[in-house]
């Protein structure tokens, strides 16, 4: 599911924790991991958030600015591992 679509259907205008938890529950999820890739000139930055639905704990991870597909993928893996604790 695309997060933007879920936000529009749920009437969410922001990434507030209440809105994200509502989306997670609609998806039947106990956790919601989402993020952004933002251009910075010819490079990119990666920011991820993980929300634990039941406890309402929100964790954030911001990666180093990366400049290629392999390093962008590596940053996403590092962020996932940093938030979830393992990489599949």
N, C-alpha and C. Protein backbone atom coordinates (compact mmCIF):
# COMPACT_ATOMS: atom_id res chain seq x y z
N UNK A 1 0.84 -1.18 0.00
CA UNK A 1 0.00 0.00 0.00
C UNK A 1 0.88 1.24 0.00
N UNK A 2 0.47 2.25 -0.71
CA UNK A 2 1.18 3.52 -0.73
C UNK A 2 0.72 4.36 0.46
N UNK A 3 1.66 4.89 1.20
CA UNK A 3 1.33 5.66 2.39
C UNK A 3 0.47 6.88 2.04
N UNK A 4 0.79 7.56 0.97
CA UNK A 4 0.00 8.73 0.59
C UNK A 4 -1.46 8.36 0.34
N UNK A 5 -1.69 7.24 -0.35
CA UNK A 5 -3.07 6.78 -0.58
C UNK A 5 -3.77 6.49 0.74
N UNK A 6 -3.08 5.81 1.64
CA UNK A 6 -3.67 5.47 2.93
C UNK A 6 -3.99 6.74 3.73
N UNK A 7 -3.10 7.72 3.66
CA UNK A 7 -3.34 8.97 4.37
C UNK A 7 -4.55 9.70 3.80
N UNK A 8 -4.67 9.74 2.48
CA UNK A 8 -5.81 10.40 1.85
C UNK A 8 -7.12 9.71 2.21
N UNK A 9 -7.13 8.37 2.14
CA UNK A 9 -8.35 7.62 2.46
C UNK A 9 -8.72 7.74 3.93
N UNK A 10 -7.71 7.92 4.79
CA UNK A 10 -7.97 8.04 6.22
C UNK A 10 -8.19 9.47 6.69
N UNK A 11 -8.14 10.41 5.76
CA UNK A 11 -8.35 11.81 6.13
C UNK A 11 -7.19 12.40 6.90
N UNK A 12 -5.99 11.88 6.72
CA UNK A 12 -4.82 12.36 7.44
C UNK A 12 -4.07 13.40 6.61
N UNK A 13 -3.78 14.52 7.21
CA UNK A 13 -3.02 15.56 6.52
C UNK A 13 -1.57 15.59 6.96
N UNK A 14 -1.25 14.90 8.05
CA UNK A 14 0.12 14.91 8.58
C UNK A 14 0.55 13.48 8.87
N UNK A 15 1.79 13.35 9.35
CA UNK A 15 2.31 12.05 9.78
C UNK A 15 2.18 11.90 11.30
N UNK A 16 1.12 12.47 11.88
CA UNK A 16 0.96 12.38 13.33
C UNK A 16 0.86 10.91 13.75
N UNK A 17 1.29 10.65 14.97
CA UNK A 17 1.28 9.26 15.45
C UNK A 17 -0.13 8.69 15.48
N UNK A 18 -1.13 9.49 15.81
CA UNK A 18 -2.50 9.00 15.83
C UNK A 18 -2.94 8.56 14.43
N UNK A 19 -2.61 9.35 13.46
CA UNK A 19 -2.97 9.03 12.07
C UNK A 19 -2.24 7.76 11.60
N UNK A 20 -0.95 7.68 11.89
CA UNK A 20 -0.16 6.53 11.44
C UNK A 20 -0.63 5.24 12.13
N UNK A 21 -1.00 5.34 13.40
CA UNK A 21 -1.51 4.16 14.10
C UNK A 21 -2.85 3.73 13.51
N UNK A 22 -3.69 4.67 13.18
CA UNK A 22 -4.98 4.35 12.54
C UNK A 22 -4.74 3.61 11.22
N UNK A 23 -3.78 4.08 10.42
CA UNK A 23 -3.46 3.42 9.16
C UNK A 23 -2.93 2.02 9.42
N UNK A 24 -2.03 1.87 10.38
CA UNK A 24 -1.48 0.56 10.70
C UNK A 24 -2.58 -0.42 11.10
N UNK A 25 -3.51 0.04 11.93
CA UNK A 25 -4.61 -0.83 12.37
C UNK A 25 -5.49 -1.22 11.19
N UNK A 26 -5.74 -0.28 10.27
CA UNK A 26 -6.54 -0.60 9.09
C UNK A 26 -5.86 -1.66 8.23
N UNK A 27 -4.53 -1.68 8.25
CA UNK A 27 -3.76 -2.67 7.49
C UNK A 27 -3.56 -3.96 8.27
N UNK A 28 -3.99 -3.98 9.54
CA UNK A 28 -3.81 -5.16 10.37
C UNK A 28 -2.37 -5.33 10.85
N UNK A 29 -1.63 -4.23 10.93
CA UNK A 29 -0.22 -4.27 11.29
C UNK A 29 0.00 -3.94 12.76
N UNK A 30 1.01 -4.55 13.35
CA UNK A 30 1.40 -4.23 14.72
C UNK A 30 2.51 -3.19 14.74
N UNK A 31 3.17 -3.01 13.60
CA UNK A 31 4.21 -2.00 13.44
C UNK A 31 4.01 -1.33 12.09
N UNK A 32 4.44 -0.08 12.00
CA UNK A 32 4.38 0.64 10.74
C UNK A 32 5.74 1.28 10.52
N UNK A 33 6.40 0.91 9.43
CA UNK A 33 7.68 1.47 9.05
C UNK A 33 7.47 2.28 7.78
N UNK A 34 7.87 3.54 7.83
CA UNK A 34 7.72 4.39 6.65
C UNK A 34 8.88 5.37 6.62
N UNK A 35 9.08 6.01 5.49
CA UNK A 35 10.20 6.94 5.41
C UNK A 35 10.14 7.83 4.20
N UNK A 36 11.20 8.59 4.09
CA UNK A 36 11.33 9.54 3.00
C UNK A 36 12.76 9.49 2.46
N UNK A 37 12.84 9.69 1.16
CA UNK A 37 14.12 9.91 0.50
C UNK A 37 14.04 11.32 -0.05
N UNK A 38 14.95 12.17 0.38
CA UNK A 38 14.89 13.58 -0.01
C UNK A 38 16.14 13.97 -0.80
N UNK A 39 15.93 14.57 -1.96
CA UNK A 39 17.09 15.01 -2.73
C UNK A 39 17.79 16.18 -2.04
N UNK A 40 19.09 16.15 -2.11
CA UNK A 40 19.93 17.25 -1.59
C UNK A 40 20.97 17.53 -2.66
N UNK A 41 20.59 18.35 -3.60
CA UNK A 41 21.46 18.59 -4.74
C UNK A 41 21.50 17.35 -5.62
N UNK A 42 22.70 16.82 -5.85
CA UNK A 42 22.83 15.59 -6.64
C UNK A 42 22.88 14.36 -5.75
N UNK A 43 22.69 14.55 -4.44
CA UNK A 43 22.72 13.45 -3.48
C UNK A 43 21.36 13.28 -2.83
N UNK A 44 21.24 12.30 -1.93
CA UNK A 44 19.97 12.01 -1.27
C UNK A 44 20.20 11.75 0.22
N UNK A 45 19.16 12.03 1.02
CA UNK A 45 19.15 11.67 2.42
C UNK A 45 17.99 10.73 2.69
N UNK A 46 18.16 9.85 3.67
CA UNK A 46 17.14 8.86 4.00
C UNK A 46 16.71 9.05 5.45
N UNK A 47 15.39 9.11 5.68
CA UNK A 47 14.84 9.21 7.04
C UNK A 47 13.73 8.17 7.18
N UNK A 48 13.81 7.35 8.23
CA UNK A 48 12.82 6.30 8.47
C UNK A 48 12.20 6.47 9.85
N UNK A 49 10.94 6.03 9.99
CA UNK A 49 10.26 5.99 11.29
C UNK A 49 9.61 4.64 11.45
N UNK A 50 9.64 4.13 12.67
CA UNK A 50 8.97 2.89 13.03
C UNK A 50 8.04 3.19 14.19
N UNK A 51 6.77 2.83 14.04
CA UNK A 51 5.80 3.01 15.12
C UNK A 51 5.31 1.65 15.57
N UNK A 52 5.42 1.40 16.88
CA UNK A 52 4.86 0.21 17.51
C UNK A 52 3.42 0.56 17.87
N UNK A 53 2.46 -0.11 17.27
CA UNK A 53 1.06 0.28 17.39
C UNK A 53 0.55 0.19 18.83
N UNK A 54 0.74 -0.93 19.49
CA UNK A 54 0.17 -1.11 20.83
C UNK A 54 0.78 -0.18 21.88
N UNK A 55 2.10 -0.03 21.84
CA UNK A 55 2.77 0.79 22.85
C UNK A 55 2.87 2.26 22.46
N UNK A 56 2.59 2.57 21.20
CA UNK A 56 2.68 3.92 20.65
C UNK A 56 4.10 4.46 20.69
N UNK A 57 5.08 3.56 20.70
CA UNK A 57 6.47 3.98 20.69
C UNK A 57 6.86 4.31 19.25
N UNK A 58 7.51 5.45 19.10
CA UNK A 58 7.94 5.90 17.79
C UNK A 58 9.47 6.02 17.80
N UNK A 59 10.11 5.36 16.85
CA UNK A 59 11.57 5.42 16.72
C UNK A 59 11.90 6.04 15.38
N UNK A 60 12.97 6.82 15.34
CA UNK A 60 13.40 7.46 14.11
C UNK A 60 14.83 7.09 13.78
N UNK A 61 15.14 7.11 12.50
CA UNK A 61 16.49 6.87 12.01
C UNK A 61 16.73 7.80 10.83
N UNK A 62 17.86 8.49 10.85
CA UNK A 62 18.23 9.36 9.74
C UNK A 62 19.58 8.88 9.24
N UNK A 63 19.63 8.58 7.94
CA UNK A 63 20.86 8.06 7.36
C UNK A 63 21.74 9.14 6.78
N UNK A 64 22.96 8.75 6.54
CA UNK A 64 23.89 9.65 5.88
C UNK A 64 23.38 9.96 4.48
N UNK A 65 23.78 11.08 3.99
CA UNK A 65 23.42 11.45 2.63
C UNK A 65 24.17 10.51 1.69
N UNK A 66 23.45 9.96 0.73
CA UNK A 66 24.01 8.99 -0.19
C UNK A 66 23.87 9.51 -1.62
N UNK A 67 24.65 8.94 -2.53
CA UNK A 67 24.65 9.49 -3.88
C UNK A 67 24.53 8.46 -5.00
N UNK A 68 24.17 7.23 -4.70
CA UNK A 68 24.01 6.22 -5.75
C UNK A 68 23.00 5.17 -5.30
N UNK A 69 22.47 4.42 -6.27
CA UNK A 69 21.50 3.37 -5.93
C UNK A 69 22.03 2.38 -4.91
N UNK A 70 23.24 1.82 -5.10
CA UNK A 70 23.73 0.86 -4.09
C UNK A 70 23.87 1.46 -2.70
N UNK A 71 24.34 2.71 -2.60
CA UNK A 71 24.49 3.30 -1.26
C UNK A 71 23.14 3.70 -0.69
N UNK A 72 22.18 4.05 -1.53
CA UNK A 72 20.83 4.34 -1.07
C UNK A 72 20.19 3.07 -0.50
N UNK A 73 20.36 1.96 -1.20
CA UNK A 73 19.85 0.68 -0.71
C UNK A 73 20.53 0.29 0.60
N UNK A 74 21.83 0.51 0.69
CA UNK A 74 22.56 0.21 1.92
C UNK A 74 22.06 1.06 3.08
N UNK A 75 21.79 2.34 2.82
CA UNK A 75 21.27 3.21 3.88
C UNK A 75 19.91 2.73 4.34
N UNK A 76 19.05 2.32 3.41
CA UNK A 76 17.73 1.81 3.78
C UNK A 76 17.86 0.54 4.63
N UNK A 77 18.77 -0.35 4.25
CA UNK A 77 19.00 -1.58 5.04
C UNK A 77 19.51 -1.23 6.43
N UNK A 78 20.46 -0.28 6.51
CA UNK A 78 21.00 0.13 7.81
C UNK A 78 19.91 0.72 8.69
N UNK A 79 19.04 1.54 8.10
CA UNK A 79 17.94 2.12 8.85
C UNK A 79 16.98 1.07 9.36
N UNK A 80 16.63 0.12 8.49
CA UNK A 80 15.74 -0.97 8.89
C UNK A 80 16.36 -1.76 10.04
N UNK A 81 17.63 -2.12 9.89
CA UNK A 81 18.31 -2.88 10.95
C UNK A 81 18.39 -2.07 12.23
N UNK A 82 18.61 -0.78 12.13
CA UNK A 82 18.70 0.06 13.32
C UNK A 82 17.37 0.18 14.05
N UNK A 83 16.28 0.17 13.31
CA UNK A 83 14.96 0.31 13.93
C UNK A 83 14.37 -1.03 14.38
N UNK A 84 14.52 -2.04 13.54
CA UNK A 84 13.88 -3.33 13.80
C UNK A 84 14.84 -4.28 14.52
N UNK A 85 16.13 -4.13 14.27
CA UNK A 85 17.12 -4.96 14.96
C UNK A 85 17.65 -6.12 14.16
N UNK A 86 17.15 -6.30 12.93
CA UNK A 86 17.66 -7.40 12.09
C UNK A 86 17.33 -7.10 10.65
N UNK A 87 18.09 -7.72 9.78
CA UNK A 87 17.84 -7.58 8.35
C UNK A 87 17.55 -8.95 7.78
N UNK A 88 16.44 -9.04 7.04
CA UNK A 88 16.08 -10.33 6.44
C UNK A 88 16.70 -10.45 5.08
